Amino acid sequence: MAQGGLKLKSNKPSSKISRLVHKKQKRKQLSKGRKAFAAKGRKVTLAKQETQTTKAINSKNETVVAARALGAGNTFSLKDIKEAGKKELGKQKHDLRKRESKSSKMSERLKEQLNKLK
C-alpha cells in the first residue's frame, strides 16, 4: 500500500466559497452610511424632530424618577435634578388635590340634587 497517496479532504477551500467571500467583502466596502453622506431636505427635519422628542421624553422621565426618589426620602447631590424633582412632586400633589376636590364637589352636588327631589 502506498502511504499518503489518498486524501479525503483537501486543504484548499472550494472556488465557490472563495468567490462568495470576496463578494461579501466588496459589498461591505461599497456600502454607504449615514456618516459618509449627509441627509438633505425632509430627512433632516424628520431627524431633528425625532431628536427633539427623545430629548423631551428623556427630560420628563428624569424629572419623574427624581420626584419618586425624593418622595421616597433619597437625597441628590445634583442641584438641578433635585429642584426638578421637587417641582414635579409639587405638580403631582396639586393634580391629586384637584382631582379629589372635583370628586368631592361632584358627590356633594349629587347629594343636593337627591335632597331636592325628596
C-alpha atoms as a PDB file:
ATOM      1  CA  MET A   1       0.000   0.000   0.000  1.00  0.00           C
ATOM      2  CA  ALA A   2       1.200   3.462  -0.875  1.00  0.00           C
ATOM      3  CA  GLN A   3       1.431   5.729   2.075  1.00  0.00           C
ATOM      4  CA  GLY A   4      -0.210   9.168   1.875  1.00  0.00           C
ATOM      5  CA  GLY A   5      -1.444   8.670  -1.642  1.00  0.00           C
ATOM      6  CA  LEU A   6      -5.124   9.195  -0.880  1.00  0.00           C
ATOM      7  CA  LYS A   7      -6.547  12.375   0.709  1.00  0.00           C
ATOM      8  CA  LEU A   8     -10.188  12.509   1.693  1.00  0.00           C
ATOM      9  CA  LYS A   9     -10.435  16.262   2.262  1.00  0.00           C
ATOM     10  CA  SER A  10      -8.405  18.950   0.557  1.00  0.00           C
ATOM     11  CA  ASN A  11      -6.933  21.862   2.484  1.00  0.00           C
ATOM     12  CA  LYS A  12      -7.949  24.426  -0.166  1.00  0.00           C
ATOM     13  CA  PRO A  13     -11.409  25.981   0.095  1.00  0.00           C
ATOM     14  CA  SER A  14     -13.610  25.434  -2.909  1.00  0.00           C
ATOM     15  CA  SER A  15     -13.721  28.149  -5.553  1.00  0.00           C
ATOM     16  CA  LYS A  16     -17.427  28.883  -4.903  1.00  0.00           C
ATOM     17  CA  ILE A  17     -16.825  29.661  -1.252  1.00  0.00           C
ATOM     18  CA  SER A  18     -13.876  31.927  -2.002  1.00  0.00           C
ATOM     19  CA  ARG A  19     -15.937  33.833  -4.602  1.00  0.00           C
ATOM     20  CA  LEU A  20     -18.761  34.359  -2.095  1.00  0.00           C
ATOM     21  CA  VAL A  21     -16.335  35.654   0.500  1.00  0.00           C
ATOM     22  CA  HIS A  22     -14.865  38.161  -1.954  1.00  0.00           C
ATOM     23  CA  LYS A  23     -18.326  39.368  -2.986  1.00  0.00           C
ATOM     24  CA  LYS A  24     -19.336  39.913   0.631  1.00  0.00           C
ATOM     25  CA  GLN A  25     -16.201  41.895   1.320  1.00  0.00           C
ATOM     26  CA  LYS A  26     -16.768  44.100  -1.698  1.00  0.00           C
ATOM     27  CA  ARG A  27     -20.356  44.831  -0.621  1.00  0.00           C
ATOM     28  CA  LYS A  28     -19.202  45.899   2.804  1.00  0.00           C
ATOM     29  CA  GLN A  29     -16.683  48.314   1.311  1.00  0.00           C
ATOM     30  CA  LEU A  30     -19.176  49.847  -1.102  1.00  0.00           C
ATOM     31  CA  SER A  31     -21.995  50.361   1.380  1.00  0.00           C
ATOM     32  CA  LYS A  32     -22.905  53.966   2.017  1.00  0.00           C
ATOM     33  CA  GLY A  33     -23.729  55.036   5.525  1.00  0.00           C
ATOM     34  CA  ARG A  34     -25.286  58.000   7.239  1.00  0.00           C
ATOM     35  CA  LYS A  35     -21.846  59.097   8.415  1.00  0.00           C
ATOM     36  CA  ALA A  36     -20.433  59.311   4.906  1.00  0.00           C
ATOM     37  CA  PHE A  37     -23.347  61.123   3.241  1.00  0.00           C
ATOM     38  CA  ALA A  38     -25.282  63.905   4.931  1.00  0.00           C
ATOM     39  CA  ALA A  39     -29.066  63.751   4.719  1.00  0.00           C
ATOM     40  CA  LYS A  40     -30.901  66.503   2.864  1.00  0.00           C
ATOM     41  CA  GLY A  41     -34.349  68.060   2.926  1.00  0.00           C
ATOM     42  CA  ARG A  42     -37.185  66.137   4.566  1.00  0.00           C
ATOM     43  CA  LYS A  43     -34.894  63.581   6.177  1.00  0.00           C
ATOM     44  CA  VAL A  44     -33.050  66.290   8.098  1.00  0.00           C
ATOM     45  CA  THR A  45     -36.250  67.764   9.524  1.00  0.00           C
ATOM     46  CA  LEU A  46     -37.523  64.317  10.488  1.00  0.00           C
ATOM     47  CA  ALA A  47     -34.266  63.515  12.233  1.00  0.00           C
ATOM     48  CA  LYS A  48     -34.304  66.839  14.114  1.00  0.00           C
ATOM     49  CA  GLN A  49     -37.903  66.288  15.226  1.00  0.00           C
ATOM     50  CA  GLU A  50     -37.037  62.816  16.407  1.00  0.00           C
ATOM     51  CA  THR A  51     -34.079  64.029  18.456  1.00  0.00           C
ATOM     52  CA  GLN A  52     -36.160  66.829  19.983  1.00  0.00           C
ATOM     53  CA  THR A  53     -38.931  64.451  21.016  1.00  0.00           C
ATOM     54  CA  THR A  54     -36.485  61.960  22.513  1.00  0.00           C
ATOM     55  CA  LYS A  55     -34.785  64.738  24.482  1.00  0.00           C
ATOM     56  CA  ALA A  56     -38.141  65.958  25.786  1.00  0.00           C
ATOM     57  CA  ILE A  57     -39.182  62.439  26.776  1.00  0.00           C
ATOM     58  CA  ASN A  58     -35.840  61.817  28.476  1.00  0.00           C
ATOM     59  CA  SER A  59     -36.012  65.033  30.496  1.00  0.00           C
ATOM     60  CA  LYS A  60     -39.613  64.293  31.542  1.00  0.00           C
ATOM     61  CA  ASN A  61     -38.643  60.777  32.605  1.00  0.00           C
ATOM     62  CA  GLU A  62     -35.683  62.162  34.519  1.00  0.00           C
ATOM     63  CA  THR A  63     -37.886  64.565  36.490  1.00  0.00           C
ATOM     64  CA  VAL A  64     -40.435  61.837  37.235  1.00  0.00           C
ATOM     65  CA  VAL A  65     -37.722  59.500  38.511  1.00  0.00           C
ATOM     66  CA  ALA A  66     -36.208  62.294  40.588  1.00  0.00           C
ATOM     67  CA  ALA A  67     -39.629  63.066  42.080  1.00  0.00           C
ATOM     68  CA  ARG A  68     -40.139  59.420  43.003  1.00  0.00           C
ATOM     69  CA  ALA A  69     -36.705  59.235  44.582  1.00  0.00           C
ATOM     70  CA  LEU A  70     -37.216  62.441  46.572  1.00  0.00           C
ATOM     71  CA  GLY A  71     -40.647  61.237  47.649  1.00  0.00           C
ATOM     72  CA  ALA A  72     -39.067  58.030  48.931  1.00  0.00           C
ATOM     73  CA  GLY A  73     -36.617  60.059  51.017  1.00  0.00           C
ATOM     74  CA  ASN A  74     -33.430  59.786  48.969  1.00  0.00           C
ATOM     75  CA  THR A  75     -31.010  62.683  48.637  1.00  0.00           C
ATOM     76  CA  PHE A  76     -29.397  64.078  45.497  1.00  0.00           C
ATOM     77  CA  SER A  77     -26.073  65.807  45.084  1.00  0.00           C
ATOM     78  CA  LEU A  78     -27.043  67.337  41.725  1.00  0.00           C
ATOM     79  CA  LYS A  79     -28.970  70.512  42.420  1.00  0.00           C
ATOM     80  CA  ASP A  80     -30.801  70.765  39.083  1.00  0.00           C
ATOM     81  CA  ILE A  81     -32.195  67.227  39.340  1.00  0.00           C
ATOM     82  CA  LYS A  82     -33.165  67.863  42.942  1.00  0.00           C
ATOM     83  CA  GLU A  83     -35.058  71.037  42.041  1.00  0.00           C
ATOM     84  CA  ALA A  84     -36.766  69.384  39.085  1.00  0.00           C
ATOM     85  CA  GLY A  85     -37.838  66.520  41.353  1.00  0.00           C
ATOM     86  CA  LYS A  86     -39.269  68.931  43.932  1.00  0.00           C
ATOM     87  CA  LYS A  87     -41.215  70.799  41.256  1.00  0.00           C
ATOM     88  CA  GLU A  88     -42.573  67.543  39.855  1.00  0.00           C
ATOM     89  CA  LEU A  89     -43.635  66.400  43.335  1.00  0.00           C
ATOM     90  CA  GLY A  90     -45.464  69.705  43.795  1.00  0.00           C
ATOM     91  CA  LYS A  91     -47.232  69.300  40.451  1.00  0.00           C
ATOM     92  CA  GLN A  92     -48.289  65.756  41.286  1.00  0.00           C
ATOM     93  CA  LYS A  93     -49.661  66.803  44.675  1.00  0.00           C
ATOM     94  CA  HIS A  94     -51.530  69.725  43.104  1.00  0.00           C
ATOM     95  CA  ASP A  95     -53.101  67.456  40.478  1.00  0.00           C
ATOM     96  CA  LEU A  96     -54.114  64.949  43.159  1.00  0.00           C
ATOM     97  CA  ARG A  97     -55.765  67.653  45.274  1.00  0.00           C
ATOM     98  CA  LYS A  98     -57.567  68.955  42.206  1.00  0.00           C
ATOM     99  CA  ARG A  99     -58.952  65.516  41.343  1.00  0.00           C
ATOM    100  CA  GLU A 100     -60.015  64.847  44.915  1.00  0.00           C
ATOM    101  CA  SER A 101     -61.760  68.217  45.257  1.00  0.00           C
ATOM    102  CA  LYS A 102     -63.569  67.710  41.947  1.00  0.00           C
ATOM    103  CA  SER A 103     -64.845  64.313  43.007  1.00  0.00           C
ATOM    104  CA  SER A 104     -65.959  65.609  46.423  1.00  0.00           C
ATOM    105  CA  LYS A 105     -67.721  68.582  44.828  1.00  0.00           C
ATOM    106  CA  MET A 106     -69.474  66.279  42.389  1.00  0.00           C
ATOM    107  CA  SER A 107     -70.655  63.965  45.171  1.00  0.00           C
ATOM    108  CA  GLU A 108     -71.923  66.979  47.145  1.00  0.00           C
ATOM    109  CA  ARG A 109     -73.830  68.275  44.116  1.00  0.00           C
ATOM    110  CA  LEU A 110     -75.421  64.901  43.533  1.00  0.00           C
ATOM    111  CA  LYS A 111     -76.465  64.661  47.191  1.00  0.00           C
ATOM    112  CA  GLU A 112     -78.045  68.123  46.986  1.00  0.00           C
ATOM    113  CA  GLN A 113     -79.972  67.151  43.854  1.00  0.00           C
ATOM    114  CA  LEU A 114     -81.225  63.991  45.556  1.00  0.00           C
ATOM    115  CA  ASN A 115     -82.344  66.007  48.564  1.00  0.00           C
ATOM    116  CA  LYS A 116     -84.269  68.413  46.296  1.00  0.00           C
ATOM    117  CA  LEU A 117     -86.092  65.500  44.688  1.00  0.00           C
ATOM    118  CA  LYS A 118     -87.255  64.163  48.083  1.00  0.00           C
END
